[in-house]
Amino acid sequence: MLNEKRIDIKPLILLIAINIVYLFLVIMDFIEGVFALWIFFIFLSLTPLIIKDRKYIIGIIIFLIPLEVTKTLIPFFQTIEAKDGMFNSVFDLARLFMLYSFIIWFLSDLKHLVPFIKHKITYILAIFIGYYFLSAILISPDMSKGLIETFRYVIYFLFFTMVTQFIRKEEDFSLIWKILIIVGVVLCLEGIFEYVFNYYLWFDNGRRAAATFLDPNIFARFIVIILISLLILRLKKVYIIKPQFMDISIVIAGITLLLTVSRQGLAVFIVTLLFISFFLKSSQRRGIIIGLILVTLIAIPVFMQLMDAREQGLALYDIGTRAGLLLGGALMFIGSPIYGIGAGGFQTMMIERYLDLLPWGINSATLSHTYIVTILAEQGIIGFCIFCIFLIFVYKQFRINYRTKDLKLKAYSLIIVASIIIILISSQAEGRFFEEPLLWLFLGLHVAFGRIIAKKDKAKKESG
């Protein structure tokens, strides 16, 4: 499907043909188990591709990550019903393909398989997962949920491992980002369609664009990553696609971000844009600040109108619920400051002990929406220290990467760390940090890119 210069259409034709045949068999009642067999056929058809060139794996996973609605629509993905038909699940299409790809890699290349890359970030991620597992089985009030989360992290760790090993050249990174941008623009067009026609393929979240995401706020996070990446590439004059296409993509993504009616998405975009301005020339920095002021003056009135038009609108209890979750998390931490209440136990503890803090009781959100509160409440000071060490290692790797003299590599390094920062900041309002699959993609790219830069620098020294 992918090579260094173009997208090969043959695998796409193969997939379409397989799906047409499969749908015909379903319509004619020749087969049952629609979802399971459909997924089996797709994965089986992709096997020769991922064996031939492992970049295919990363590209396919990027395509599948936004399809997180599959964990509620495909019956065998649903493992535990949490509330009102919403399920905690081990798998969605992306996670299932991550595991499948790793197994294929394991079976097809056992001699060269390196499942654990020696790097500080790799070590701290392994320590985090190990501590999370022990916390789930030893002290969590909801061991099943803790183990489900642990298994998710293990799958994401395998994905991280594959990214670090399969991305070996600068061109690999460019290609991966092209796919991410293409997927993002397509989803933005879908989001605009949803909002304009007030029609939703999956769930009705009110008058908000959500595309294939369960939550419009998660969609907004994805858009901000695309927007910031495009802006960095444009400002650094790195054209992985034609400049006019980049400009059109920026406009489409900006409009869609407003249509998600996501307060946190808009705030994260502004904060991250200010962050990247410090890595630009002074003239560009001034332009960014002036442009941001002008855009804000236009965007805020428009956003307020969108908020008024939003169904299932912003009621006062929304703020009360967030305050109740914060207070509940603080009380959990105070009650067990060293080890926390146990991995995956926040929701259970909130319902059992602190439900009176929520204005609408069980009908309120019962999951933590602030990751720092989550990790302090569930894993205590020990878990929080591991988290802080992880952030330090990420920062140190960025400093190493950004020292390169190659301007294109500098831009790529800034994109990676900006994307991680977007996920970090937005996780304080939506609660998904290590649970976010894109984080593990960017961490893998972060480590892989460090190796690419080190290799280039070494080659320059030897040639000089």
Protein backbone atom coordinates (compact mmCIF):
# COMPACT_ATOMS: atom_id res chain seq x y z
CA MET A 1 0.00 0.00 0.00
CA LEU A 2 2.84 2.39 0.80
CA ASN A 3 6.19 3.17 -0.65
CA GLU A 4 8.42 6.19 -0.33
CA LYS A 5 6.76 8.27 -3.05
CA ARG A 6 3.21 7.14 -3.59
CA ILE A 7 0.32 5.03 -2.37
CA ASP A 8 -0.05 1.75 -4.24
CA ILE A 9 -3.67 1.16 -5.30
CA LYS A 10 -3.42 -2.64 -5.72
CA PRO A 11 -3.88 -3.56 -2.04
CA LEU A 12 -6.87 -1.22 -1.85
CA ILE A 13 -8.47 -2.94 -4.83
CA LEU A 14 -7.83 -6.30 -3.16
CA LEU A 15 -9.52 -5.15 0.04
CA ILE A 16 -12.52 -3.74 -1.83
CA ALA A 17 -12.92 -6.96 -3.81
CA ILE A 18 -12.77 -9.09 -0.65
CA ASN A 19 -15.38 -6.92 1.05
CA ILE A 20 -17.72 -7.04 -1.96
CA VAL A 21 -17.53 -10.84 -2.03
CA TYR A 22 -18.05 -10.99 1.71
CA LEU A 23 -21.05 -8.64 1.67
CA PHE A 24 -22.59 -10.73 -1.13
CA LEU A 25 -22.24 -13.86 1.02
CA VAL A 26 -23.84 -12.06 3.96
CA ILE A 27 -26.76 -10.77 1.89
CA MET A 28 -27.37 -14.25 0.47
CA ASP A 29 -27.35 -15.70 4.03
CA PHE A 30 -24.51 -18.05 3.13
CA ILE A 31 -22.51 -17.10 6.22
CA GLU A 32 -23.05 -15.87 9.76
CA GLY A 33 -20.84 -14.08 12.26
CA VAL A 34 -20.69 -10.97 10.13
CA PHE A 35 -18.21 -8.87 12.04
CA ALA A 36 -15.83 -11.64 13.09
CA LEU A 37 -15.50 -13.12 9.61
CA TRP A 38 -15.28 -9.71 7.97
CA ILE A 39 -12.36 -8.75 10.19
CA PHE A 40 -10.75 -12.15 9.58
CA PHE A 41 -10.90 -11.67 5.79
CA ILE A 42 -9.48 -8.16 5.96
CA PHE A 43 -6.59 -9.12 8.23
CA LEU A 44 -5.85 -12.23 6.17
CA SER A 45 -5.74 -10.21 2.95
CA LEU A 46 -3.31 -7.74 4.54
CA THR A 47 -0.88 -10.41 5.74
CA PRO A 48 1.27 -10.55 2.54
CA LEU A 49 1.55 -6.76 2.63
CA ILE A 50 2.80 -6.49 6.19
CA ILE A 51 5.31 -9.28 5.61
CA LYS A 52 6.60 -7.62 2.42
CA ASP A 53 7.23 -4.17 3.91
CA ARG A 54 6.64 -3.41 7.57
CA LYS A 55 5.88 0.26 6.95
CA TYR A 56 2.51 -1.04 5.82
CA ILE A 57 1.74 -2.02 9.40
CA ILE A 58 2.13 1.50 10.79
CA GLY A 59 0.16 3.07 7.94
CA ILE A 60 -2.75 0.65 8.36
CA ILE A 61 -2.85 1.17 12.12
CA ILE A 62 -2.95 4.96 11.64
CA PHE A 63 -5.96 4.44 9.40
CA LEU A 64 -7.67 2.21 11.99
CA ILE A 65 -7.01 4.27 15.14
CA PRO A 66 -9.82 6.80 14.50
CA LEU A 67 -12.31 3.94 14.11
CA GLU A 68 -12.67 3.64 17.89
CA VAL A 69 -16.46 3.35 17.56
CA THR A 70 -15.87 -0.26 16.55
CA LYS A 71 -15.44 -1.22 20.21
CA THR A 72 -19.13 -0.50 20.79
CA LEU A 73 -20.49 -1.62 17.42
CA ILE A 74 -18.77 -5.01 17.10
CA PRO A 75 -20.27 -7.41 19.65
CA PHE A 76 -17.23 -9.56 20.45
CA PHE A 77 -15.18 -6.47 21.30
CA GLN A 78 -17.57 -5.64 24.14
CA THR A 79 -16.43 -7.15 27.43
CA ILE A 80 -17.90 -5.14 30.31
CA GLU A 81 -20.95 -2.88 30.14
CA ALA A 82 -20.07 0.28 32.04
CA LYS A 83 -23.15 2.45 31.66
CA ASP A 84 -26.08 2.91 29.27
CA GLY A 85 -24.80 0.58 26.58
CA MET A 86 -21.23 1.91 26.78
CA PHE A 87 -18.61 -0.80 27.11
CA ASN A 88 -15.11 -1.18 28.44
CA SER A 89 -13.32 -3.31 25.89
CA VAL A 90 -9.98 -4.97 25.34
CA PHE A 91 -10.12 -4.50 21.58
CA ASP A 92 -11.13 -2.17 18.85
CA LEU A 93 -10.01 -2.62 15.24
CA ALA A 94 -6.73 -0.76 15.79
CA ARG A 95 -5.72 -2.67 18.93
CA LEU A 96 -6.68 -5.99 17.35
CA PHE A 97 -4.54 -5.23 14.30
CA MET A 98 -1.62 -4.14 16.50
CA LEU A 99 -1.65 -7.52 18.20
CA TYR A 100 -2.18 -9.38 14.93
CA SER A 101 0.71 -7.52 13.26
CA PHE A 102 3.07 -8.28 16.11
CA ILE A 103 2.20 -11.98 15.94
CA ILE A 104 2.78 -12.03 12.16
CA TRP A 105 6.10 -10.25 12.67
CA PHE A 106 7.01 -12.73 15.39
CA LEU A 107 6.21 -15.75 13.24
CA SER A 108 7.73 -14.43 10.01
CA ASP A 109 10.99 -12.98 11.30
CA LEU A 110 11.93 -14.78 14.50
CA LYS A 111 15.68 -14.57 13.81
CA HIS A 112 15.67 -10.76 13.63
CA LEU A 113 12.87 -10.10 16.12
CA VAL A 114 13.83 -7.53 18.76
CA PRO A 115 10.76 -7.10 20.99
CA PHE A 116 12.48 -4.72 23.41
CA ILE A 117 14.50 -1.72 22.27
CA LYS A 118 17.10 -0.54 24.79
CA HIS A 119 16.14 3.03 25.56
CA LYS A 120 15.24 5.02 28.68
CA ILE A 121 11.71 5.66 27.40
CA THR A 122 11.26 1.93 26.74
CA TYR A 123 12.41 1.05 30.24
CA ILE A 124 10.14 3.56 31.98
CA LEU A 125 7.13 2.44 29.93
CA ALA A 126 7.81 -1.18 30.90
CA ILE A 127 8.10 -0.17 34.57
CA PHE A 128 4.82 1.75 34.35
CA ILE A 129 2.98 -1.23 32.84
CA GLY A 130 4.50 -3.61 35.41
CA TYR A 131 3.49 -1.40 38.33
CA TYR A 132 0.02 -0.94 36.84
CA PHE A 133 -0.38 -4.72 36.60
CA LEU A 134 0.67 -5.26 40.22
CA SER A 135 -1.64 -2.48 41.34
CA ALA A 136 -4.54 -4.11 39.47
CA ILE A 137 -4.12 -7.59 40.96
CA LEU A 138 -3.08 -6.61 44.48
CA ILE A 139 -5.13 -3.59 45.56
CA SER A 140 -7.62 -2.49 42.90
CA PRO A 141 -11.33 -2.56 43.86
CA ASP A 142 -12.05 -3.45 40.20
CA MET A 143 -9.40 -5.98 39.21
CA SER A 144 -11.11 -6.93 35.93
CA LYS A 145 -11.01 -3.35 34.66
CA GLY A 146 -7.43 -2.93 35.86
CA LEU A 147 -6.37 -6.06 33.97
CA ILE A 148 -8.22 -4.92 30.83
CA GLU A 149 -6.34 -1.62 30.96
CA THR A 150 -3.06 -3.47 31.54
CA PHE A 151 -3.67 -5.64 28.48
CA ARG A 152 -4.39 -2.52 26.42
CA TYR A 153 -1.09 -1.02 27.55
CA VAL A 154 0.74 -4.23 26.60
CA ILE A 155 -0.77 -4.06 23.11
CA TYR A 156 0.20 -0.40 22.82
CA PHE A 157 3.71 -1.25 24.00
CA LEU A 158 3.99 -3.81 21.19
CA PHE A 159 2.84 -1.10 18.78
CA PHE A 160 5.46 1.27 20.20
CA THR A 161 8.10 -1.44 19.69
CA MET A 162 7.08 -1.94 16.06
CA VAL A 163 7.18 1.80 15.33
CA THR A 164 10.68 2.18 16.81
CA GLN A 165 11.99 -0.64 14.62
CA PHE A 166 10.05 -0.16 11.39
CA ILE A 167 10.70 3.58 11.00
CA ARG A 168 14.33 3.65 9.89
CA LYS A 169 14.59 6.56 7.44
CA GLU A 170 13.51 10.17 7.19
CA GLU A 171 11.31 9.16 4.23
CA ASP A 172 9.46 6.66 6.43
CA PHE A 173 8.52 9.47 8.80
CA SER A 174 7.36 11.71 5.94
CA LEU A 175 5.20 8.93 4.57
CA ILE A 176 3.61 8.18 7.94
CA TRP A 177 2.76 11.86 8.36
CA LYS A 178 1.25 12.03 4.88
CA ILE A 179 -1.09 9.21 5.84
CA LEU A 180 -1.97 10.89 9.12
CA ILE A 181 -2.81 14.15 7.31
CA ILE A 182 -4.86 12.38 4.64
CA VAL A 183 -6.84 10.45 7.25
CA GLY A 184 -7.31 13.66 9.26
CA VAL A 185 -8.63 15.67 6.31
CA VAL A 186 -11.04 12.89 5.29
CA LEU A 187 -12.39 12.74 8.85
CA CYS A 188 -12.68 16.53 8.94
CA LEU A 189 -14.82 16.44 5.79
CA GLU A 190 -16.95 13.76 7.42
CA GLY A 191 -17.27 15.94 10.53
CA ILE A 192 -18.33 18.97 8.49
CA PHE A 193 -20.92 16.83 6.69
CA GLU A 194 -22.27 15.60 10.03
CA TYR A 195 -22.63 19.09 11.41
CA VAL A 196 -24.12 20.75 8.32
CA PHE A 197 -26.76 18.05 7.80
CA ASN A 198 -27.15 17.19 11.50
CA TYR A 199 -26.73 13.54 10.56
CA TYR A 200 -24.45 11.14 12.44
CA LEU A 201 -23.07 7.84 11.25
CA TRP A 202 -22.49 6.56 14.78
CA PHE A 203 -23.61 8.41 17.90
CA ASP A 204 -25.59 11.60 18.33
CA ASN A 205 -23.46 13.77 20.63
CA GLY A 206 -25.63 16.82 20.07
CA ARG A 207 -24.92 19.35 17.33
CA ARG A 208 -21.21 18.57 17.27
CA ALA A 209 -18.83 17.02 14.76
CA ALA A 210 -17.41 13.71 15.99
CA ALA A 211 -16.70 11.71 12.78
CA THR A 212 -15.75 8.15 13.78
CA PHE A 213 -14.75 8.99 17.36
CA LEU A 214 -16.89 8.20 20.38
CA ASP A 215 -16.31 11.64 21.86
CA PRO A 216 -16.15 14.98 19.99
CA ASN A 217 -13.41 16.09 22.41
CA ILE A 218 -11.19 13.19 21.31
CA PHE A 219 -11.90 14.13 17.70
CA ALA A 220 -10.90 17.71 18.54
CA ARG A 221 -7.62 16.42 19.99
CA PHE A 222 -6.92 14.54 16.76
CA ILE A 223 -7.66 17.67 14.69
CA VAL A 224 -5.37 19.83 16.83
CA ILE A 225 -2.52 17.37 16.20
CA ILE A 226 -3.15 17.60 12.45
CA LEU A 227 -3.43 21.41 12.56
CA ILE A 228 -0.28 21.97 14.60
CA SER A 229 1.68 19.52 12.43
CA LEU A 230 0.62 21.28 9.24
CA LEU A 231 1.42 24.71 10.68
CA ILE A 232 4.92 23.62 11.77
CA LEU A 233 5.62 22.11 8.35
CA ARG A 234 4.32 25.23 6.62
CA LEU A 235 6.26 27.66 8.81
CA LYS A 236 9.45 25.59 8.56
CA LYS A 237 8.93 25.30 4.78
CA VAL A 238 8.94 21.51 4.82
CA TYR A 239 6.58 20.41 2.07
CA ILE A 240 5.70 16.74 2.39
CA ILE A 241 2.65 17.58 0.27
CA LYS A 242 2.10 20.54 -2.07
CA PRO A 243 1.89 23.90 -0.22
CA GLN A 244 -1.57 24.71 -1.60
CA PHE A 245 -2.88 21.35 -0.34
CA MET A 246 -1.38 22.08 3.06
CA ASP A 247 -3.15 25.46 3.17
CA ILE A 248 -6.48 23.92 2.17
CA SER A 249 -6.02 21.21 4.80
CA ILE A 250 -5.32 23.84 7.49
CA VAL A 251 -8.54 25.69 6.63
CA ILE A 252 -10.62 22.50 6.62
CA ALA A 253 -9.15 21.32 9.93
CA GLY A 254 -9.65 24.75 11.51
CA ILE A 255 -13.32 24.86 10.54
CA THR A 256 -13.88 21.32 11.80
CA LEU A 257 -12.21 22.11 15.13
CA LEU A 258 -14.82 24.82 15.70
CA LEU A 259 -17.63 22.43 14.71
CA THR A 260 -16.59 19.93 17.39
CA VAL A 261 -17.69 22.64 19.86
CA SER A 262 -14.86 21.45 22.10
CA ARG A 263 -13.74 24.02 24.65
CA GLN A 264 -10.68 22.00 25.53
CA GLY A 265 -9.79 21.47 21.87
CA LEU A 266 -9.75 25.20 21.21
CA ALA A 267 -7.78 25.91 24.40
CA VAL A 268 -5.20 23.18 23.66
CA PHE A 269 -4.73 24.52 20.13
CA ILE A 270 -4.02 28.04 21.41
CA VAL A 271 -1.61 26.87 24.13
CA THR A 272 0.30 24.55 21.77
CA LEU A 273 0.53 27.24 19.12
CA LEU A 274 2.10 29.58 21.67
CA PHE A 275 4.51 26.79 22.64
CA ILE A 276 5.76 26.19 19.10
CA SER A 277 6.13 29.93 18.52
CA PHE A 278 9.22 29.84 20.77
CA PHE A 279 10.90 27.58 18.22
CA LEU A 280 10.28 29.93 15.31
CA LYS A 281 12.06 33.04 14.05
CA SER A 282 11.13 36.25 15.85
CA SER A 283 9.25 37.57 12.79
CA GLN A 284 7.26 34.34 12.55
CA ARG A 285 6.59 34.46 16.29
CA ARG A 286 5.13 37.94 15.99
CA GLY A 287 3.05 36.80 13.03
CA ILE A 288 1.76 33.82 14.99
CA ILE A 289 0.75 36.00 17.96
CA ILE A 290 -0.95 38.64 15.78
CA GLY A 291 -2.67 35.98 13.70
CA LEU A 292 -3.78 34.16 16.84
CA ILE A 293 -5.29 37.36 18.24
CA LEU A 294 -7.19 38.03 15.02
CA VAL A 295 -8.39 34.44 14.69
CA THR A 296 -9.45 34.39 18.35
CA LEU A 297 -11.48 37.59 17.91
CA ILE A 298 -13.34 35.91 15.06
CA ALA A 299 -13.47 32.39 16.48
CA ILE A 300 -14.82 33.18 19.96
CA PRO A 301 -18.11 34.79 18.80
CA VAL A 302 -18.58 31.98 16.27
CA PHE A 303 -17.82 29.40 18.95
CA MET A 304 -20.35 30.98 21.32
CA GLN A 305 -23.02 30.70 18.61
CA LEU A 306 -22.09 27.06 18.07
CA MET A 307 -22.40 26.44 21.81
CA ASP A 308 -25.89 27.94 21.77
CA ALA A 309 -26.85 25.75 18.82
CA ARG A 310 -25.45 22.64 20.46
CA GLU A 311 -28.10 20.21 21.62
CA GLN A 312 -27.54 18.40 24.90
CA GLY A 313 -25.92 21.73 25.69
CA LEU A 314 -23.62 23.05 28.35
CA ALA A 315 -25.65 22.78 31.52
CA LEU A 316 -24.43 23.97 34.90
CA TYR A 317 -24.12 20.40 36.15
CA ASP A 318 -21.29 19.87 33.64
CA ILE A 319 -19.04 22.08 35.77
CA GLY A 320 -20.41 20.54 38.96
CA THR A 321 -19.61 17.04 37.71
CA ARG A 322 -16.01 17.96 36.91
CA ALA A 323 -15.62 19.56 40.36
CA GLY A 324 -17.08 16.44 42.00
CA LEU A 325 -14.69 14.17 40.11
CA LEU A 326 -11.72 16.32 41.10
CA LEU A 327 -12.76 16.32 44.75
CA GLY A 328 -13.44 12.58 44.69
CA GLY A 329 -10.01 11.92 43.19
CA ALA A 330 -8.34 14.11 45.81
CA LEU A 331 -10.09 12.22 48.61
CA MET A 332 -8.99 8.89 47.10
CA PHE A 333 -5.38 10.09 47.05
CA ILE A 334 -5.56 11.38 50.62
CA GLY A 335 -6.96 8.03 51.72
CA SER A 336 -4.09 6.09 50.12
CA PRO A 337 -1.28 8.46 49.13
CA ILE A 338 1.57 5.95 48.60
CA TYR A 339 0.03 3.21 46.45
CA GLY A 340 -3.33 4.73 45.52
CA ILE A 341 -6.62 2.86 45.42
CA GLY A 342 -5.47 0.52 42.64
CA ALA A 343 -5.31 0.53 38.85
CA GLY A 344 -8.67 1.00 37.14
CA GLY A 345 -10.44 1.58 40.45
CA PHE A 346 -11.46 5.25 40.09
CA GLN A 347 -14.95 4.67 38.68
CA THR A 348 -15.80 1.90 41.15
CA MET A 349 -14.62 3.94 44.12
CA MET A 350 -16.42 7.04 42.87
CA ILE A 351 -19.71 5.16 42.66
CA GLU A 352 -19.33 3.29 45.94
CA ARG A 353 -18.04 6.08 48.19
CA TYR A 354 -18.25 9.50 46.57
CA LEU A 355 -21.40 9.43 44.47
CA ASP A 356 -22.96 12.19 46.57
CA LEU A 357 -20.29 14.59 45.22
CA LEU A 358 -21.81 14.36 41.73
CA PRO A 359 -24.83 16.62 41.10
CA TRP A 360 -26.70 14.03 39.04
CA GLY A 361 -25.51 10.95 40.89
CA ILE A 362 -25.12 7.81 38.81
CA ASN A 363 -26.33 9.71 35.73
CA SER A 364 -23.27 11.95 35.94
CA ALA A 365 -19.90 11.07 34.44
CA THR A 366 -18.14 8.74 36.89
CA LEU A 367 -14.77 8.41 35.15
CA SER A 368 -11.99 10.86 35.97
CA HIS A 369 -11.53 13.56 33.35
CA THR A 370 -8.11 14.71 34.62
CA TYR A 371 -5.17 12.36 34.10
CA ILE A 372 -2.99 13.75 36.89
CA VAL A 373 -5.89 13.23 39.31
CA THR A 374 -6.40 9.73 37.90
CA ILE A 375 -2.81 8.63 38.37
CA LEU A 376 -2.55 10.13 41.86
CA ALA A 377 -5.84 8.54 42.95
CA GLU A 378 -5.23 5.10 41.41
CA GLN A 379 -1.45 4.67 41.71
CA GLY A 380 -0.44 7.15 44.38
CA ILE A 381 2.90 8.88 44.73
CA ILE A 382 4.77 5.89 43.29
CA GLY A 383 2.79 5.93 40.05
CA PHE A 384 3.01 9.70 39.82
CA CYS A 385 6.81 9.61 40.21
CA ILE A 386 7.05 7.05 37.39
CA PHE A 387 4.91 9.37 35.28
CA CYS A 388 7.17 12.37 36.02
CA ILE A 389 10.33 10.39 35.18
CA PHE A 390 8.70 9.39 31.91
CA LEU A 391 8.07 13.06 31.05
CA ILE A 392 11.68 13.93 31.89
CA PHE A 393 12.96 11.21 29.54
CA VAL A 394 10.69 12.45 26.75
CA TYR A 395 11.99 16.00 27.25
CA LYS A 396 15.63 14.86 27.25
CA GLN A 397 15.13 12.92 24.03
CA PHE A 398 13.59 16.02 22.43
CA ARG A 399 16.62 18.10 23.44
CA ILE A 400 18.89 15.51 21.82
CA ASN A 401 16.78 15.31 18.65
CA TYR A 402 16.44 19.08 18.28
CA ARG A 403 20.19 19.67 18.33
CA THR A 404 20.49 18.36 14.78
CA LYS A 405 21.63 20.89 12.17
CA ASP A 406 19.23 19.51 9.55
CA LEU A 407 16.29 21.95 9.38
CA LYS A 408 13.86 19.33 8.11
CA LEU A 409 14.74 16.95 10.95
CA LYS A 410 14.34 19.83 13.41
CA ALA A 411 10.81 20.41 12.11
CA TYR A 412 9.94 16.72 12.44
CA SER A 413 11.31 16.63 16.00
CA LEU A 414 9.18 19.64 16.95
CA ILE A 415 6.07 18.03 15.44
CA ILE A 416 6.57 14.87 17.51
CA VAL A 417 7.03 16.65 20.84
CA ALA A 418 4.18 19.10 20.07
CA SER A 419 1.87 16.14 19.45
CA ILE A 420 2.85 14.57 22.77
CA ILE A 421 2.24 17.92 24.51
CA ILE A 422 -1.21 18.16 22.91
CA ILE A 423 -2.13 14.76 24.31
CA LEU A 424 -0.67 15.64 27.72
CA ILE A 425 -2.56 18.94 28.04
CA SER A 426 -5.87 17.62 26.70
CA SER A 427 -5.68 14.60 29.01
CA GLN A 428 -6.20 17.01 31.91
CA ALA A 429 -9.71 17.69 30.58
CA GLU A 430 -10.58 14.34 28.99
CA GLY A 431 -8.51 11.89 31.02
CA ARG A 432 -6.85 9.88 28.23
CA PHE A 433 -3.05 9.88 28.27
CA PHE A 434 -1.47 6.42 28.19
CA GLU A 435 -4.89 5.24 27.00
CA GLU A 436 -4.44 7.29 23.82
CA PRO A 437 -3.04 5.07 21.02
CA LEU A 438 -1.60 8.04 19.13
CA LEU A 439 0.67 8.74 22.12
CA TRP A 440 2.42 5.39 21.59
CA LEU A 441 2.81 6.18 17.89
CA PHE A 442 4.52 9.47 18.71
CA LEU A 443 6.68 7.88 21.41
CA GLY A 444 7.83 5.26 18.93
CA LEU A 445 8.59 7.97 16.37
CA HIS A 446 10.38 9.96 19.09
CA VAL A 447 12.77 7.09 19.81
CA ALA A 448 13.11 6.04 16.16
CA PHE A 449 13.83 9.60 15.10
CA GLY A 450 16.57 9.88 17.69
CA ARG A 451 18.25 6.88 16.09
CA ILE A 452 17.82 8.35 12.58
CA ILE A 453 19.40 11.65 13.68
CA ALA A 454 22.26 9.90 15.49
CA LYS A 455 22.96 7.80 12.42
CA LYS A 456 22.99 10.87 10.14
CA ASP A 457 25.22 12.84 12.47
CA LYS A 458 27.66 9.94 12.70
CA ALA A 459 27.75 9.61 8.92
CA LYS A 460 28.49 13.35 8.56
CA LYS A 461 31.35 13.17 11.07
CA GLU A 462 32.89 10.19 9.28
CA SER A 463 32.57 11.86 5.88
CA GLY A 464 33.92 15.17 7.25
